[in-house]
Protein backbone atom coordinates (compact mmCIF):
# COMPACT_ATOMS: atom_id res chain seq x y z
CA MET A 1 32.42 -12.86 -7.29
CA PRO A 2 31.90 -16.57 -7.92
CA CYS A 3 29.14 -15.96 -10.50
CA THR A 4 31.40 -13.83 -12.70
CA ALA A 5 34.22 -16.37 -12.41
CA ASN A 6 31.83 -19.11 -13.58
CA VAL A 7 30.89 -17.12 -16.70
CA LEU A 8 34.52 -16.36 -17.59
CA ALA A 9 35.49 -19.99 -17.09
CA ALA A 10 32.69 -21.10 -19.39
CA TYR A 11 33.38 -18.65 -22.24
CA GLY A 12 37.15 -18.17 -22.01
CA PRO A 13 39.19 -14.95 -21.77
CA PHE A 14 37.75 -13.48 -25.03
CA PRO A 15 33.96 -13.46 -24.70
CA THR A 16 31.65 -13.30 -27.71
CA PRO A 17 29.16 -10.39 -27.95
CA ILE A 18 26.34 -12.57 -26.57
CA SER A 19 28.44 -13.82 -23.67
CA LEU A 20 29.59 -10.24 -22.99
CA PHE A 21 25.94 -9.17 -22.81
CA CYS A 22 25.23 -12.05 -20.40
CA LEU A 23 28.23 -11.06 -18.29
CA ILE A 24 27.03 -7.46 -18.03
CA ALA A 25 23.52 -8.66 -17.21
CA LEU A 26 24.91 -10.83 -14.42
CA LEU A 27 26.79 -7.89 -12.97
CA VAL A 28 23.81 -5.52 -13.14
CA VAL A 29 20.91 -7.83 -12.27
CA PRO A 30 20.98 -9.62 -8.92
CA THR A 31 21.07 -13.37 -9.29
CA GLY A 32 20.54 -16.44 -7.18
CA CYS A 33 24.20 -16.86 -6.28
CA ASN A 34 24.72 -17.11 -2.56
CA ASP A 35 26.52 -13.77 -2.47
CA ALA A 36 23.57 -11.79 -1.12
CA PRO A 37 24.49 -9.48 1.75
CA LYS A 38 23.11 -10.46 5.10
CA GLN A 39 20.13 -8.42 6.26
CA LYS A 40 20.68 -6.00 9.08
CA GLU A 41 18.92 -6.94 12.27
CA ASN A 42 15.90 -4.81 12.97
CA ALA A 43 16.36 -2.68 16.07
CA ASN A 44 12.62 -2.90 16.71
CA ALA A 45 12.44 -6.69 16.43
CA VAL A 46 10.44 -8.51 19.06
CA THR A 47 12.70 -10.27 21.50
CA PRO A 48 11.72 -13.51 23.22
CA SER A 49 11.21 -11.63 26.49
CA ALA A 50 8.87 -9.12 24.78
CA ALA A 51 6.99 -11.90 23.02
CA SER A 52 6.27 -13.75 26.24
CA GLY A 53 3.08 -11.72 26.83
CA SER A 54 -0.36 -13.03 26.04
CA ALA A 55 -0.99 -13.62 22.34
CA SER A 56 -4.64 -12.71 22.79
CA ALA A 57 -3.65 -9.26 24.05
CA ALA A 58 -1.96 -8.56 20.72
CA VAL A 59 -5.04 -9.34 18.61
CA ALA A 60 -7.95 -8.51 20.93
CA PRO A 61 -9.74 -5.21 20.27
CA ASN A 62 -9.58 -2.57 22.95
CA PRO A 63 -12.47 -3.16 25.34
CA PRO A 64 -15.17 -0.51 25.27
CA SER A 65 -15.11 2.34 27.71
CA VAL A 66 -17.60 2.29 30.55
CA ASP A 67 -19.62 4.78 28.50
CA THR A 68 -20.38 2.31 25.66
CA ALA A 69 -20.96 -1.06 27.37
CA GLY A 70 -24.65 -1.80 27.88
CA LYS A 71 -27.93 -1.71 25.94
CA TRP A 72 -28.89 1.12 23.59
CA ARG A 73 -32.03 2.05 21.65
CA GLY A 74 -32.90 4.68 19.08
CA HIS A 75 -35.27 5.68 16.30
CA PHE A 76 -34.31 6.83 12.83
CA GLU A 77 -35.75 7.87 9.50
CA SER A 78 -33.99 6.46 6.46
CA GLU A 79 -33.83 8.41 3.23
CA GLN A 80 -32.68 7.79 -0.31
CA GLU A 81 -28.94 8.08 -0.91
CA THR A 82 -27.96 9.77 -4.16
CA THR A 83 -25.04 8.69 -6.31
CA GLU A 84 -23.35 10.06 -9.39
CA VAL A 85 -23.09 7.66 -12.33
CA PRO A 86 -20.20 8.32 -14.78
CA LYS A 87 -21.35 9.50 -18.23
CA PRO A 88 -20.48 6.32 -20.17
CA HIS A 89 -22.86 4.41 -17.89
CA ALA A 90 -25.44 7.15 -17.27
CA GLN A 91 -27.90 5.77 -19.84
CA ARG A 92 -28.69 2.95 -17.39
CA ALA A 93 -31.80 4.00 -15.47
CA TRP A 94 -32.48 2.35 -12.13
CA ARG A 95 -36.05 1.51 -11.25
CA LYS A 96 -37.46 4.04 -8.79
CA SER A 97 -38.42 2.52 -5.47
CA ASP A 98 -39.55 3.76 -2.08
CA ASP A 99 -38.47 0.50 -0.41
CA GLY A 100 -36.50 1.18 2.75
CA ILE A 101 -37.49 4.84 3.01
CA GLY A 102 -39.14 5.69 6.31
CA LYS A 103 -39.02 5.21 10.05
CA GLY A 104 -37.26 2.47 11.93
CA GLU A 105 -35.93 1.43 15.30
CA ILE A 106 -32.51 0.15 16.31
CA GLU A 107 -31.52 -1.75 19.44
CA LEU A 108 -28.01 -2.91 20.26
CA SER A 109 -26.00 -4.38 23.11
CA VAL A 110 -22.31 -3.89 23.79
CA SER A 111 -20.63 -6.48 26.01
CA ALA A 112 -17.77 -5.73 28.39
CA SER A 113 -15.41 -7.45 25.91
CA GLY A 114 -16.47 -5.12 23.07
CA GLU A 115 -18.78 -7.44 21.12
CA LEU A 116 -21.73 -5.62 19.59
CA SER A 117 -25.02 -7.24 18.54
CA GLY A 118 -28.53 -6.04 17.88
CA ALA A 119 -31.36 -5.55 15.43
CA VAL A 120 -32.95 -2.98 13.14
CA THR A 121 -36.69 -3.02 12.39
CA GLY A 122 -38.96 -0.80 10.36
CA ALA A 123 -38.75 0.52 6.81
CA LEU A 124 -35.43 -1.25 6.11
CA GLY A 125 -36.90 -4.61 7.10
CA ALA A 126 -35.56 -6.89 9.81
CA LEU A 127 -31.76 -6.57 9.92
CA ARG A 128 -29.24 -8.15 12.27
CA LEU A 129 -26.27 -6.22 13.70
CA GLN A 130 -22.88 -7.72 14.48
CA GLY A 131 -19.74 -5.76 15.23
CA GLU A 132 -17.29 -4.47 17.78
CA ALA A 133 -16.76 -1.50 20.04
CA ASP A 134 -13.71 0.16 21.52
CA ASP A 135 -12.97 3.41 23.32
CA THR A 136 -13.51 5.58 20.26
CA SER A 137 -16.16 3.99 18.06
CA LEU A 138 -18.73 1.26 17.50
CA ARG A 139 -18.76 -0.50 14.13
CA ALA A 140 -21.28 -3.04 12.89
CA ARG A 141 -22.37 -4.92 9.78
CA LEU A 142 -26.07 -5.02 9.02
CA SER A 143 -27.41 -8.10 7.27
CA PRO A 144 -30.88 -9.36 6.39
CA ALA A 145 -32.36 -12.51 7.86
CA PRO A 146 -31.18 -15.74 6.19
CA GLY A 147 -33.06 -16.26 2.93
CA ASP A 148 -34.10 -12.60 2.69
CA ASP A 149 -32.69 -10.53 -0.17
CA GLY A 150 -33.21 -7.22 1.64
CA PHE A 151 -30.92 -4.42 2.65
CA ALA A 152 -27.38 -4.89 3.97
CA GLY A 153 -24.72 -2.41 4.99
CA TRP A 154 -22.91 -0.91 7.96
CA LEU A 155 -23.14 1.58 10.78
CA LEU A 156 -20.53 3.65 12.56
CA LEU A 157 -21.25 5.25 15.94
CA THR A 158 -19.29 7.35 18.41
CA ALA A 159 -20.00 7.87 22.12
CA LYS A 160 -20.51 11.45 23.24
CA ASP A 161 -22.45 13.00 26.13
CA SER A 162 -24.03 9.69 27.27
CA ALA A 163 -25.41 9.00 23.77
CA LEU A 164 -24.28 7.16 20.64
CA SER A 165 -24.50 9.02 17.35
CA GLY A 166 -23.43 8.25 13.81
CA ASP A 167 -24.44 6.99 10.40
CA LEU A 168 -26.19 3.98 8.93
CA ARG A 169 -25.70 3.17 5.23
CA VAL A 170 -27.35 0.26 3.40
CA SER A 171 -28.04 -0.94 -0.12
CA HIS A 172 -30.52 -3.46 -1.42
CA SER A 173 -29.50 -6.66 -3.13
CA LYS A 174 -31.42 -5.43 -6.21
CA SER A 175 -28.93 -2.54 -6.62
CA GLY A 176 -29.82 1.05 -7.21
CA GLN A 177 -31.56 1.28 -3.84
CA LEU A 178 -29.20 3.07 -1.48
CA ARG A 179 -30.42 4.32 1.89
CA ARG A 180 -28.85 6.35 4.68
CA SER A 181 -29.80 7.67 8.08
CA ARG A 182 -28.33 9.64 10.95
CA LEU A 183 -28.58 7.73 14.23
CA LEU A 184 -28.94 8.84 17.83
CA LEU A 185 -29.16 6.09 20.46
CA GLU A 186 -29.77 6.43 24.18
CA ARG A 187 -28.87 4.00 26.95
CA VAL A 188 -31.58 1.54 28.01
CA VAL A 189 -29.85 -0.40 30.80
CA SER A 190 -26.57 0.49 32.51
CA PRO A 191 -23.87 -2.21 32.58
C-alpha cells in the first residue's frame, strides 16, 4: 500500500508512539490515497438503448383513467378538527372560532393529461384548487385568493362507482383553526 510506505519512509523503521498511532489510523480509516477499489457495475444500470426513450415519459404523471377526466361538483359540510397538544404546551389556549365551520361547494376539472384545477366556496371562503390526477387518486392543494389570509390545505380523492370521494383538510393562517370534511363529488360533464 503506497500510503503505508509513505509513512514508514517518513518516520524510519522504528516509529515513535505517535507515528505508530498514525500508522494504525491510516490502516484502519480509509484515506484519500488512490487505492480505492473500483465500484462494481450496477446490473440494473440504464443503458444508452434504454435511455433513448422520451424523457417526459419518465417524469410525467400517469394520465387519469377515463373515469376521472372531466368536470366534477359536490357539496360538503366542514367541521372542527380536534388535535392533542402535548402537556408542556397545553397551557396555551387557542381562541375559539366558528370560522370555516359550515356548508360549502366544490367544483373541479381534470384534464386528459391529469392536471386538476377548481374552486371551493362557502364556509371556508373562496379557495383555489391545483393538483394532479392519475389512475388511483386525485390530489390537490387548496389556497386562498392572493392577499387573503384564509384557510389553506389539501384534498385527496379516489374514484369509485362513477363518483369521487375523499377528505379535505385545511387550517387557517391564524393557527388553531383546523377544519375537515368528507367529500363526495359527482360528474357534471363527461370528457
